[in-house]
Amino acid sequence: MNKYRKDPTKHHLRERLKHARASLTTEERAEKSRAIAGILLGLLEGVDTVMVYVAKEPEVETLGLIEALLERGTAVVVPIIQRETRTLRLSYLEDTGVLLPSTFHVPEPVGHEIPADGGSIGAAVIPLIGFDDRCHRLGYGAGYYDRFLGTHPGVLRIGVGFACQRADRIPAEAHDIALHCIVTEDGVTRAG
């Protein structure tokens, strides 16, 4: 049996939270994304290597964060979606100019990969559709990040989303990996 099968409760919650996120204007998303990046830069101070997802609309924008990390000398790793195996391949990113829309329209360093080892990552900035105050994350439903986090338990797990993506409770299953904290434009929610 597929442990990542579709849960109807999660499906309805996912649709509601996607709608809440989509209701933000482009300007609101840009302003809130800048606030989130500022908070993240403080949290990531002193981390040598950070994995950061590259955003697609209407996610929290991450290019500004990536450029700021690169400017201060932090090694940035981006995930590359492996659709066939539902896993993430990792690549260092030294120049955001090489990013092109790829799998699921996610920008990836197509043709410019610099292989990275997950064991070198100190913190991971992870997208989400929803979250709760226990730092449970509702993702897109395929388990890519849960698989990665399950094999790299020492990574600081930071979810990012807009405050409108908060839910009272995210149903968590055995394979769902909770995050250490969630960053929104309103600040940081920490687990426990």
N, C-alpha and C. Protein backbone atom coordinates (compact mmCIF):
# COMPACT_ATOMS: atom_id res chain seq x y z
N MET A 1 0.84 -1.18 0.00
CA MET A 1 0.00 0.00 0.00
C MET A 1 0.89 1.25 0.00
N ASN A 2 0.50 2.25 -0.76
CA ASN A 2 1.25 3.50 -0.86
C ASN A 2 0.98 4.38 0.36
N LYS A 3 2.00 4.61 1.16
CA LYS A 3 1.80 5.42 2.36
C LYS A 3 1.57 6.89 2.04
N TYR A 4 1.80 7.31 0.78
CA TYR A 4 1.58 8.70 0.38
C TYR A 4 0.27 8.84 -0.40
N ARG A 5 -0.68 7.93 -0.17
CA ARG A 5 -1.96 8.00 -0.87
C ARG A 5 -2.71 9.27 -0.46
N LYS A 6 -3.66 9.66 -1.27
CA LYS A 6 -4.43 10.89 -1.03
C LYS A 6 -5.38 10.71 0.15
N ASP A 7 -5.26 11.59 1.13
CA ASP A 7 -6.13 11.62 2.29
C ASP A 7 -7.22 12.67 1.99
N PRO A 8 -8.52 12.28 2.00
CA PRO A 8 -9.56 13.25 1.65
C PRO A 8 -9.59 14.46 2.58
N THR A 9 -9.29 14.28 3.86
CA THR A 9 -9.26 15.41 4.79
C THR A 9 -8.16 16.38 4.38
N LYS A 10 -6.98 15.85 4.10
CA LYS A 10 -5.87 16.70 3.66
C LYS A 10 -6.19 17.37 2.33
N HIS A 11 -6.86 16.63 1.44
CA HIS A 11 -7.19 17.18 0.13
C HIS A 11 -8.07 18.43 0.28
N HIS A 12 -9.12 18.35 1.08
CA HIS A 12 -10.02 19.50 1.26
C HIS A 12 -9.30 20.66 1.95
N LEU A 13 -8.50 20.35 2.93
CA LEU A 13 -7.73 21.38 3.63
C LEU A 13 -6.73 22.03 2.67
N ARG A 14 -6.08 21.21 1.86
CA ARG A 14 -5.12 21.71 0.88
C ARG A 14 -5.80 22.69 -0.09
N GLU A 15 -6.98 22.33 -0.57
CA GLU A 15 -7.70 23.21 -1.51
C GLU A 15 -8.09 24.53 -0.84
N ARG A 16 -8.55 24.47 0.40
CA ARG A 16 -8.95 25.69 1.13
C ARG A 16 -7.76 26.61 1.34
N LEU A 17 -6.62 26.04 1.74
CA LEU A 17 -5.44 26.86 2.03
C LEU A 17 -4.79 27.39 0.74
N LYS A 18 -4.85 26.61 -0.33
CA LYS A 18 -4.36 27.11 -1.62
C LYS A 18 -5.19 28.31 -2.07
N HIS A 19 -6.50 28.23 -1.84
CA HIS A 19 -7.38 29.35 -2.19
C HIS A 19 -7.04 30.59 -1.35
N ALA A 20 -6.79 30.39 -0.05
CA ALA A 20 -6.43 31.53 0.82
C ALA A 20 -5.14 32.19 0.32
N ARG A 21 -4.16 31.38 -0.03
CA ARG A 21 -2.88 31.91 -0.54
C ARG A 21 -3.09 32.63 -1.86
N ALA A 22 -3.88 32.05 -2.75
CA ALA A 22 -4.12 32.64 -4.07
C ALA A 22 -4.90 33.94 -3.99
N SER A 23 -5.60 34.15 -2.88
CA SER A 23 -6.39 35.38 -2.74
C SER A 23 -5.51 36.60 -2.44
N LEU A 24 -4.25 36.39 -2.09
CA LEU A 24 -3.33 37.51 -1.88
C LEU A 24 -2.99 38.12 -3.24
N THR A 25 -2.88 39.45 -3.28
CA THR A 25 -2.49 40.09 -4.53
C THR A 25 -0.99 39.89 -4.75
N THR A 26 -0.54 40.12 -5.97
CA THR A 26 0.88 40.02 -6.29
C THR A 26 1.69 40.94 -5.40
N GLU A 27 1.19 42.15 -5.17
CA GLU A 27 1.89 43.11 -4.32
C GLU A 27 1.96 42.63 -2.87
N GLU A 28 0.86 42.09 -2.37
CA GLU A 28 0.86 41.56 -1.00
C GLU A 28 1.85 40.42 -0.85
N ARG A 29 1.87 39.51 -1.83
CA ARG A 29 2.80 38.39 -1.77
C ARG A 29 4.25 38.89 -1.79
N ALA A 30 4.53 39.89 -2.62
CA ALA A 30 5.89 40.43 -2.70
C ALA A 30 6.30 41.08 -1.38
N GLU A 31 5.42 41.87 -0.80
CA GLU A 31 5.72 42.54 0.47
C GLU A 31 5.91 41.53 1.60
N LYS A 32 5.02 40.57 1.68
CA LYS A 32 5.11 39.56 2.74
C LYS A 32 6.35 38.67 2.53
N SER A 33 6.68 38.37 1.29
CA SER A 33 7.87 37.57 0.99
C SER A 33 9.13 38.28 1.44
N ARG A 34 9.20 39.59 1.24
CA ARG A 34 10.37 40.36 1.70
C ARG A 34 10.49 40.31 3.22
N ALA A 35 9.36 40.42 3.92
CA ALA A 35 9.38 40.34 5.39
C ALA A 35 9.85 38.96 5.84
N ILE A 36 9.36 37.92 5.18
CA ILE A 36 9.76 36.54 5.51
C ILE A 36 11.25 36.35 5.27
N ALA A 37 11.77 36.86 4.15
CA ALA A 37 13.20 36.74 3.84
C ALA A 37 14.04 37.40 4.92
N GLY A 38 13.60 38.56 5.41
CA GLY A 38 14.34 39.26 6.46
C GLY A 38 14.42 38.42 7.74
N ILE A 39 13.32 37.79 8.10
CA ILE A 39 13.31 36.93 9.29
C ILE A 39 14.23 35.72 9.08
N LEU A 40 14.13 35.12 7.89
CA LEU A 40 14.96 33.95 7.58
C LEU A 40 16.44 34.27 7.62
N LEU A 41 16.83 35.43 7.11
CA LEU A 41 18.25 35.79 7.13
C LEU A 41 18.78 35.82 8.55
N GLY A 42 17.97 36.28 9.49
CA GLY A 42 18.38 36.26 10.90
C GLY A 42 18.49 34.83 11.43
N LEU A 43 17.50 34.00 11.11
CA LEU A 43 17.51 32.60 11.59
C LEU A 43 18.68 31.80 11.02
N LEU A 44 19.09 32.13 9.80
CA LEU A 44 20.11 31.36 9.11
C LEU A 44 21.51 31.91 9.31
N GLU A 45 21.64 32.93 10.14
CA GLU A 45 22.97 33.50 10.43
C GLU A 45 23.87 32.40 10.98
N GLY A 46 25.03 32.24 10.37
CA GLY A 46 26.00 31.26 10.84
C GLY A 46 25.85 29.86 10.26
N VAL A 47 24.80 29.62 9.47
CA VAL A 47 24.64 28.32 8.82
C VAL A 47 25.45 28.35 7.53
N ASP A 48 26.34 27.38 7.36
CA ASP A 48 27.24 27.38 6.20
C ASP A 48 26.56 27.01 4.89
N THR A 49 25.67 26.02 4.92
CA THR A 49 25.02 25.54 3.71
C THR A 49 23.52 25.43 3.96
N VAL A 50 22.75 26.09 3.09
CA VAL A 50 21.30 26.14 3.25
C VAL A 50 20.64 25.63 1.98
N MET A 51 19.70 24.71 2.14
CA MET A 51 18.86 24.30 1.02
C MET A 51 17.65 25.21 0.99
N VAL A 52 17.39 25.81 -0.16
CA VAL A 52 16.24 26.71 -0.32
C VAL A 52 15.48 26.30 -1.57
N TYR A 53 14.18 26.10 -1.44
CA TYR A 53 13.38 25.84 -2.63
C TYR A 53 13.32 27.11 -3.47
N VAL A 54 13.20 26.95 -4.77
CA VAL A 54 13.03 28.09 -5.66
C VAL A 54 11.53 28.18 -5.95
N ALA A 55 10.94 29.32 -5.61
CA ALA A 55 9.49 29.46 -5.64
C ALA A 55 8.92 29.56 -7.05
N LYS A 56 7.68 29.09 -7.14
CA LYS A 56 6.83 29.34 -8.30
C LYS A 56 5.59 30.06 -7.75
N GLU A 57 4.92 30.81 -8.60
CA GLU A 57 3.70 31.50 -8.16
C GLU A 57 2.69 30.48 -7.67
N PRO A 58 1.94 30.74 -6.61
CA PRO A 58 1.94 31.90 -5.73
C PRO A 58 2.66 31.65 -4.40
N GLU A 59 3.73 30.86 -4.41
CA GLU A 59 4.46 30.56 -3.18
C GLU A 59 5.19 31.79 -2.66
N VAL A 60 5.68 31.69 -1.42
CA VAL A 60 6.55 32.72 -0.86
C VAL A 60 7.77 32.80 -1.77
N GLU A 61 8.04 33.99 -2.30
CA GLU A 61 9.16 34.20 -3.21
C GLU A 61 10.49 34.01 -2.46
N THR A 62 11.43 33.32 -3.09
CA THR A 62 12.71 33.02 -2.42
C THR A 62 13.94 33.56 -3.14
N LEU A 63 13.79 34.14 -4.32
CA LEU A 63 14.98 34.60 -5.05
C LEU A 63 15.75 35.66 -4.28
N GLY A 64 15.04 36.59 -3.64
CA GLY A 64 15.71 37.62 -2.84
C GLY A 64 16.50 37.00 -1.70
N LEU A 65 15.92 36.01 -1.04
CA LEU A 65 16.61 35.30 0.04
C LEU A 65 17.85 34.60 -0.49
N ILE A 66 17.71 33.89 -1.61
CA ILE A 66 18.84 33.17 -2.19
C ILE A 66 19.97 34.13 -2.54
N GLU A 67 19.62 35.24 -3.17
CA GLU A 67 20.66 36.21 -3.54
C GLU A 67 21.34 36.81 -2.32
N ALA A 68 20.57 37.08 -1.26
CA ALA A 68 21.16 37.62 -0.03
C ALA A 68 22.09 36.60 0.63
N LEU A 69 21.69 35.32 0.62
CA LEU A 69 22.55 34.28 1.19
C LEU A 69 23.85 34.16 0.40
N LEU A 70 23.73 34.16 -0.93
CA LEU A 70 24.93 34.06 -1.77
C LEU A 70 25.85 35.26 -1.53
N GLU A 71 25.26 36.44 -1.39
CA GLU A 71 26.05 37.66 -1.18
C GLU A 71 26.84 37.59 0.12
N ARG A 72 26.27 36.97 1.14
CA ARG A 72 27.01 36.89 2.40
C ARG A 72 27.91 35.66 2.50
N GLY A 73 28.00 34.88 1.41
CA GLY A 73 28.95 33.78 1.37
C GLY A 73 28.41 32.43 1.80
N THR A 74 27.10 32.33 1.99
CA THR A 74 26.48 31.07 2.36
C THR A 74 26.34 30.20 1.12
N ALA A 75 26.69 28.94 1.23
CA ALA A 75 26.47 28.00 0.12
C ALA A 75 24.98 27.70 0.05
N VAL A 76 24.42 27.82 -1.16
CA VAL A 76 23.00 27.58 -1.37
C VAL A 76 22.83 26.32 -2.22
N VAL A 77 21.97 25.44 -1.75
CA VAL A 77 21.62 24.21 -2.46
C VAL A 77 20.14 24.31 -2.81
N VAL A 78 19.80 23.94 -4.05
CA VAL A 78 18.40 23.92 -4.44
C VAL A 78 17.98 22.49 -4.77
N PRO A 79 16.73 22.16 -4.46
CA PRO A 79 16.23 20.82 -4.79
C PRO A 79 15.78 20.76 -6.24
N ILE A 80 16.03 19.60 -6.85
CA ILE A 80 15.57 19.33 -8.22
C ILE A 80 14.64 18.13 -8.13
N ILE A 81 13.44 18.29 -8.62
CA ILE A 81 12.41 17.27 -8.50
C ILE A 81 12.69 16.10 -9.43
N GLN A 82 12.70 14.91 -8.85
CA GLN A 82 12.84 13.66 -9.60
C GLN A 82 11.47 13.01 -9.62
N ARG A 83 10.69 13.33 -10.62
CA ARG A 83 9.30 12.91 -10.70
C ARG A 83 9.14 11.39 -10.68
N GLU A 84 10.03 10.67 -11.39
CA GLU A 84 9.92 9.22 -11.51
C GLU A 84 10.05 8.52 -10.16
N THR A 85 10.97 8.99 -9.34
CA THR A 85 11.22 8.34 -8.06
C THR A 85 10.62 9.11 -6.88
N ARG A 86 10.01 10.26 -7.17
CA ARG A 86 9.44 11.13 -6.14
C ARG A 86 10.47 11.47 -5.06
N THR A 87 11.66 11.80 -5.54
CA THR A 87 12.73 12.21 -4.64
C THR A 87 13.29 13.54 -5.11
N LEU A 88 14.19 14.09 -4.31
CA LEU A 88 14.85 15.35 -4.65
C LEU A 88 16.32 15.09 -4.93
N ARG A 89 16.79 15.61 -6.04
CA ARG A 89 18.22 15.64 -6.34
C ARG A 89 18.69 17.03 -5.95
N LEU A 90 19.92 17.16 -5.49
CA LEU A 90 20.39 18.44 -4.96
C LEU A 90 21.49 19.04 -5.81
N SER A 91 21.45 20.36 -5.96
CA SER A 91 22.47 21.07 -6.72
C SER A 91 22.82 22.37 -6.01
N TYR A 92 24.13 22.66 -5.96
CA TYR A 92 24.53 23.98 -5.50
C TYR A 92 24.05 24.99 -6.54
N LEU A 93 23.73 26.18 -6.08
CA LEU A 93 23.34 27.27 -6.97
C LEU A 93 24.25 28.45 -6.70
N GLU A 94 24.97 28.88 -7.71
CA GLU A 94 25.88 30.00 -7.56
C GLU A 94 25.39 31.25 -8.28
N ASP A 95 24.41 31.08 -9.18
CA ASP A 95 23.90 32.19 -9.98
C ASP A 95 22.42 31.93 -10.28
N THR A 96 21.54 32.80 -9.80
CA THR A 96 20.11 32.60 -10.03
C THR A 96 19.73 32.77 -11.50
N GLY A 97 20.62 33.33 -12.30
CA GLY A 97 20.36 33.52 -13.72
C GLY A 97 20.25 32.23 -14.51
N VAL A 98 20.69 31.11 -13.94
CA VAL A 98 20.64 29.83 -14.66
C VAL A 98 19.33 29.08 -14.42
N LEU A 99 18.46 29.63 -13.60
CA LEU A 99 17.21 28.94 -13.28
C LEU A 99 16.20 29.03 -14.42
N LEU A 100 15.63 27.88 -14.78
CA LEU A 100 14.61 27.82 -15.83
C LEU A 100 13.44 26.98 -15.33
N PRO A 101 12.21 27.34 -15.72
CA PRO A 101 11.06 26.51 -15.31
C PRO A 101 11.26 25.07 -15.79
N SER A 102 11.00 24.13 -14.88
CA SER A 102 11.22 22.72 -15.19
C SER A 102 10.03 21.92 -14.68
N THR A 103 10.27 20.83 -13.98
CA THR A 103 9.22 19.95 -13.48
C THR A 103 8.23 20.73 -12.62
N PHE A 104 6.94 20.57 -12.91
CA PHE A 104 5.86 21.28 -12.20
C PHE A 104 6.05 22.80 -12.28
N HIS A 105 6.76 23.29 -13.28
CA HIS A 105 7.03 24.72 -13.49
C HIS A 105 7.94 25.31 -12.41
N VAL A 106 8.61 24.47 -11.65
CA VAL A 106 9.53 24.93 -10.62
C VAL A 106 10.85 25.33 -11.29
N PRO A 107 11.37 26.52 -11.01
CA PRO A 107 12.66 26.91 -11.58
C PRO A 107 13.79 26.02 -11.02
N GLU A 108 14.60 25.48 -11.94
CA GLU A 108 15.72 24.62 -11.57
C GLU A 108 16.94 25.00 -12.40
N PRO A 109 18.14 24.67 -11.93
CA PRO A 109 19.36 25.02 -12.69
C PRO A 109 19.61 24.05 -13.85
N VAL A 110 18.69 24.05 -14.78
CA VAL A 110 18.74 23.13 -15.91
C VAL A 110 20.04 23.34 -16.70
N GLY A 111 20.82 22.26 -16.84
CA GLY A 111 22.07 22.33 -17.59
C GLY A 111 23.22 22.96 -16.83
N HIS A 112 22.98 23.37 -15.60
CA HIS A 112 24.02 24.02 -14.78
C HIS A 112 24.10 23.41 -13.39
N GLU A 113 23.80 22.13 -13.28
CA GLU A 113 23.82 21.48 -11.97
C GLU A 113 25.24 21.32 -11.44
N ILE A 114 25.35 21.54 -10.14
CA ILE A 114 26.59 21.28 -9.40
C ILE A 114 26.17 20.35 -8.27
N PRO A 115 26.36 19.03 -8.43
CA PRO A 115 25.84 18.07 -7.45
C PRO A 115 26.22 18.40 -6.00
N ALA A 116 25.25 18.28 -5.13
CA ALA A 116 25.44 18.55 -3.70
C ALA A 116 25.04 17.32 -2.90
N ASP A 117 25.65 17.17 -1.75
CA ASP A 117 25.36 16.07 -0.83
C ASP A 117 24.45 16.58 0.28
N GLY A 118 23.35 15.89 0.51
CA GLY A 118 22.42 16.29 1.56
C GLY A 118 23.04 16.36 2.93
N GLY A 119 24.11 15.60 3.15
CA GLY A 119 24.78 15.59 4.45
C GLY A 119 25.47 16.90 4.77
N SER A 120 25.68 17.75 3.78
CA SER A 120 26.36 19.03 4.02
C SER A 120 25.39 20.15 4.40
N ILE A 121 24.10 19.87 4.32
CA ILE A 121 23.09 20.92 4.54
C ILE A 121 22.84 21.11 6.03
N GLY A 122 22.95 22.36 6.47
CA GLY A 122 22.69 22.68 7.87
C GLY A 122 21.24 23.04 8.13
N ALA A 123 20.58 23.66 7.15
CA ALA A 123 19.18 24.07 7.29
C ALA A 123 18.50 23.97 5.94
N ALA A 124 17.20 23.67 5.98
CA ALA A 124 16.41 23.57 4.75
C ALA A 124 15.20 24.49 4.87
N VAL A 125 15.01 25.35 3.86
CA VAL A 125 13.85 26.23 3.77
C VAL A 125 12.87 25.54 2.82
N ILE A 126 11.69 25.21 3.36
CA ILE A 126 10.78 24.27 2.71
C ILE A 126 9.44 24.94 2.42
N PRO A 127 8.90 24.75 1.21
CA PRO A 127 7.59 25.32 0.89
C PRO A 127 6.48 24.53 1.56
N LEU A 128 5.33 25.16 1.65
CA LEU A 128 4.17 24.46 2.22
C LEU A 128 2.89 25.08 1.70
N ILE A 129 1.83 24.33 1.83
CA ILE A 129 0.50 24.85 1.51
C ILE A 129 -0.20 25.25 2.79
N GLY A 130 0.09 24.55 3.87
CA GLY A 130 -0.52 24.87 5.15
C GLY A 130 0.34 24.40 6.30
N PHE A 131 0.04 24.93 7.48
CA PHE A 131 0.80 24.57 8.68
C PHE A 131 -0.07 24.82 9.89
N ASP A 132 0.34 24.25 11.03
CA ASP A 132 -0.36 24.53 12.28
C ASP A 132 0.65 24.92 13.34
N ASP A 133 0.16 25.21 14.54
CA ASP A 133 1.02 25.69 15.61
C ASP A 133 1.95 24.61 16.17
N ARG A 134 1.76 23.36 15.78
CA ARG A 134 2.66 22.28 16.19
C ARG A 134 3.78 22.08 15.17
N CYS A 135 3.80 22.96 14.15
CA CYS A 135 4.78 22.92 13.05
C CYS A 135 4.62 21.69 12.16
N HIS A 136 3.38 21.21 12.06
CA HIS A 136 3.09 20.19 11.07
C HIS A 136 2.83 20.91 9.76
N ARG A 137 3.36 20.33 8.70
CA ARG A 137 3.32 20.94 7.37
C ARG A 137 2.38 20.16 6.47
N LEU A 138 1.59 20.90 5.72
CA LEU A 138 0.79 20.31 4.66
C LEU A 138 1.46 20.71 3.35
N GLY A 139 2.00 19.71 2.66
CA GLY A 139 2.69 19.98 1.40
C GLY A 139 1.77 19.72 0.23
N TYR A 140 2.39 19.45 -0.92
CA TYR A 140 1.62 19.24 -2.14
C TYR A 140 1.08 17.82 -2.26
N GLY A 141 1.53 16.91 -1.40
CA GLY A 141 0.93 15.59 -1.34
C GLY A 141 1.74 14.44 -1.90
N ALA A 142 2.91 14.71 -2.48
CA ALA A 142 3.68 13.62 -3.08
C ALA A 142 4.80 13.10 -2.18
N GLY A 143 5.10 13.79 -1.09
CA GLY A 143 6.08 13.29 -0.13
C GLY A 143 7.53 13.57 -0.45
N TYR A 144 7.83 14.41 -1.43
CA TYR A 144 9.23 14.69 -1.80
C TYR A 144 10.05 15.16 -0.60
N TYR A 145 9.55 16.16 0.12
CA TYR A 145 10.32 16.71 1.23
C TYR A 145 10.34 15.77 2.43
N ASP A 146 9.24 15.05 2.68
CA ASP A 146 9.25 14.08 3.78
C ASP A 146 10.31 13.00 3.54
N ARG A 147 10.43 12.55 2.31
CA ARG A 147 11.46 11.54 2.00
C ARG A 147 12.86 12.11 2.25
N PHE A 148 13.09 13.33 1.77
CA PHE A 148 14.40 13.95 1.97
C PHE A 148 14.69 14.12 3.47
N LEU A 149 13.75 14.67 4.21
CA LEU A 149 13.96 14.93 5.63
C LEU A 149 14.11 13.63 6.42
N GLY A 150 13.44 12.58 5.99
CA GLY A 150 13.56 11.30 6.67
C GLY A 150 14.95 10.71 6.58
N THR A 151 15.67 11.04 5.51
CA THR A 151 17.03 10.52 5.35
C THR A 151 18.10 11.52 5.81
N HIS A 152 17.67 12.71 6.24
CA HIS A 152 18.60 13.74 6.73
C HIS A 152 18.04 14.37 8.01
N PRO A 153 17.97 13.57 9.09
CA PRO A 153 17.31 14.04 10.31
C PRO A 153 18.03 15.19 11.02
N GLY A 154 19.30 15.44 10.73
CA GLY A 154 20.03 16.49 11.41
C GLY A 154 19.83 17.88 10.84
N VAL A 155 19.08 17.99 9.75
CA VAL A 155 18.88 19.29 9.10
C VAL A 155 17.85 20.10 9.88
N LEU A 156 18.15 21.39 10.09
CA LEU A 156 17.18 22.31 10.69
C LEU A 156 16.07 22.53 9.67
N ARG A 157 14.83 22.18 10.02
CA ARG A 157 13.70 22.19 9.11
C ARG A 157 12.86 23.45 9.32
N ILE A 158 12.89 24.34 8.32
CA ILE A 158 12.18 25.62 8.40
C ILE A 158 11.15 25.70 7.28
N GLY A 159 9.89 25.75 7.64
CA GLY A 159 8.83 25.92 6.65
C GLY A 159 8.53 27.40 6.47
N VAL A 160 8.15 27.77 5.26
CA VAL A 160 7.77 29.17 5.02
C VAL A 160 6.42 29.23 4.33
N GLY A 161 5.62 30.16 4.78
CA GLY A 161 4.30 30.37 4.19
C GLY A 161 3.77 31.71 4.65
N PHE A 162 2.65 32.08 4.11
CA PHE A 162 1.99 33.31 4.53
C PHE A 162 1.09 33.00 5.73
N ALA A 163 0.84 34.00 6.56
CA ALA A 163 0.03 33.79 7.76
C ALA A 163 -1.36 33.23 7.43
N CYS A 164 -1.89 33.56 6.26
CA CYS A 164 -3.22 33.07 5.86
C CYS A 164 -3.23 31.56 5.60
N GLN A 165 -2.06 30.92 5.61
CA GLN A 165 -1.97 29.49 5.36
C GLN A 165 -1.98 28.67 6.66
N ARG A 166 -2.15 29.35 7.79
CA ARG A 166 -2.22 28.67 9.09
C ARG A 166 -3.56 27.95 9.21
N ALA A 167 -3.52 26.73 9.70
CA ALA A 167 -4.73 25.94 9.97
C ALA A 167 -4.78 25.62 11.45
N ASP A 168 -5.95 25.32 11.96
CA ASP A 168 -6.07 24.93 13.36
C ASP A 168 -5.29 23.65 13.63
N ARG A 169 -5.41 22.70 12.70
CA ARG A 169 -4.72 21.42 12.87
C ARG A 169 -4.47 20.78 11.51
N ILE A 170 -3.24 20.38 11.30
CA ILE A 170 -2.87 19.63 10.09
C ILE A 170 -2.86 18.16 10.49
N PRO A 171 -3.65 17.31 9.82
CA PRO A 171 -3.60 15.87 10.15
C PRO A 171 -2.21 15.32 9.82
N ALA A 172 -1.57 14.72 10.80
CA ALA A 172 -0.22 14.19 10.60
C ALA A 172 -0.25 12.67 10.65
N GLU A 173 0.42 12.07 9.67
CA GLU A 173 0.54 10.61 9.61
C GLU A 173 1.97 10.23 9.98
N ALA A 174 2.21 8.94 10.11
CA ALA A 174 3.53 8.46 10.56
C ALA A 174 4.66 8.93 9.66
N HIS A 175 4.42 9.05 8.35
CA HIS A 175 5.48 9.44 7.42
C HIS A 175 5.67 10.96 7.33
N ASP A 176 4.77 11.74 7.92
CA ASP A 176 4.87 13.20 7.88
C ASP A 176 5.90 13.68 8.88
N ILE A 177 6.85 14.46 8.43
CA ILE A 177 7.93 14.95 9.30
C ILE A 177 7.62 16.38 9.72
N ALA A 178 7.49 16.59 11.02
CA ALA A 178 7.23 17.95 11.52
C ALA A 178 8.46 18.82 11.32
N LEU A 179 8.21 20.11 11.21
CA LEU A 179 9.28 21.08 11.05
C LEU A 179 9.72 21.61 12.41
N HIS A 180 10.90 22.19 12.46
CA HIS A 180 11.36 22.81 13.71
C HIS A 180 10.69 24.16 13.92
N CYS A 181 10.44 24.87 12.82
CA CYS A 181 9.76 26.15 12.93
C CYS A 181 9.12 26.51 11.59
N ILE A 182 8.19 27.45 11.67
CA ILE A 182 7.51 28.00 10.49
C ILE A 182 7.73 29.50 10.52
N VAL A 183 8.08 30.08 9.38
CA VAL A 183 8.26 31.53 9.29
C VAL A 183 7.17 32.09 8.38
N THR A 184 6.44 33.08 8.89
CA THR A 184 5.50 33.85 8.10
C THR A 184 5.87 35.32 8.24
N GLU A 185 5.13 36.17 7.56
CA GLU A 185 5.37 37.60 7.69
C GLU A 185 5.12 38.11 9.11
N ASP A 186 4.40 37.31 9.92
CA ASP A 186 4.08 37.70 11.30
C ASP A 186 5.15 37.24 12.30
N GLY A 187 6.11 36.44 11.85
CA GLY A 187 7.17 36.00 12.76
C GLY A 187 7.41 34.50 12.67
N VAL A 188 7.93 33.94 13.78
CA VAL A 188 8.36 32.54 13.81
C VAL A 188 7.48 31.75 14.77
N THR A 189 6.98 30.61 14.31
CA THR A 189 6.28 29.64 15.16
C THR A 189 7.23 28.48 15.35
N ARG A 190 7.53 28.15 16.60
CA ARG A 190 8.48 27.06 16.89
C ARG A 190 7.73 25.84 17.42
N ALA A 191 8.23 24.68 17.04
CA ALA A 191 7.63 23.43 17.53
C ALA A 191 7.94 23.26 19.00
N GLY A 192 6.96 22.77 19.73
CA GLY A 192 7.18 22.46 21.14
C GLY A 192 7.40 23.67 21.97
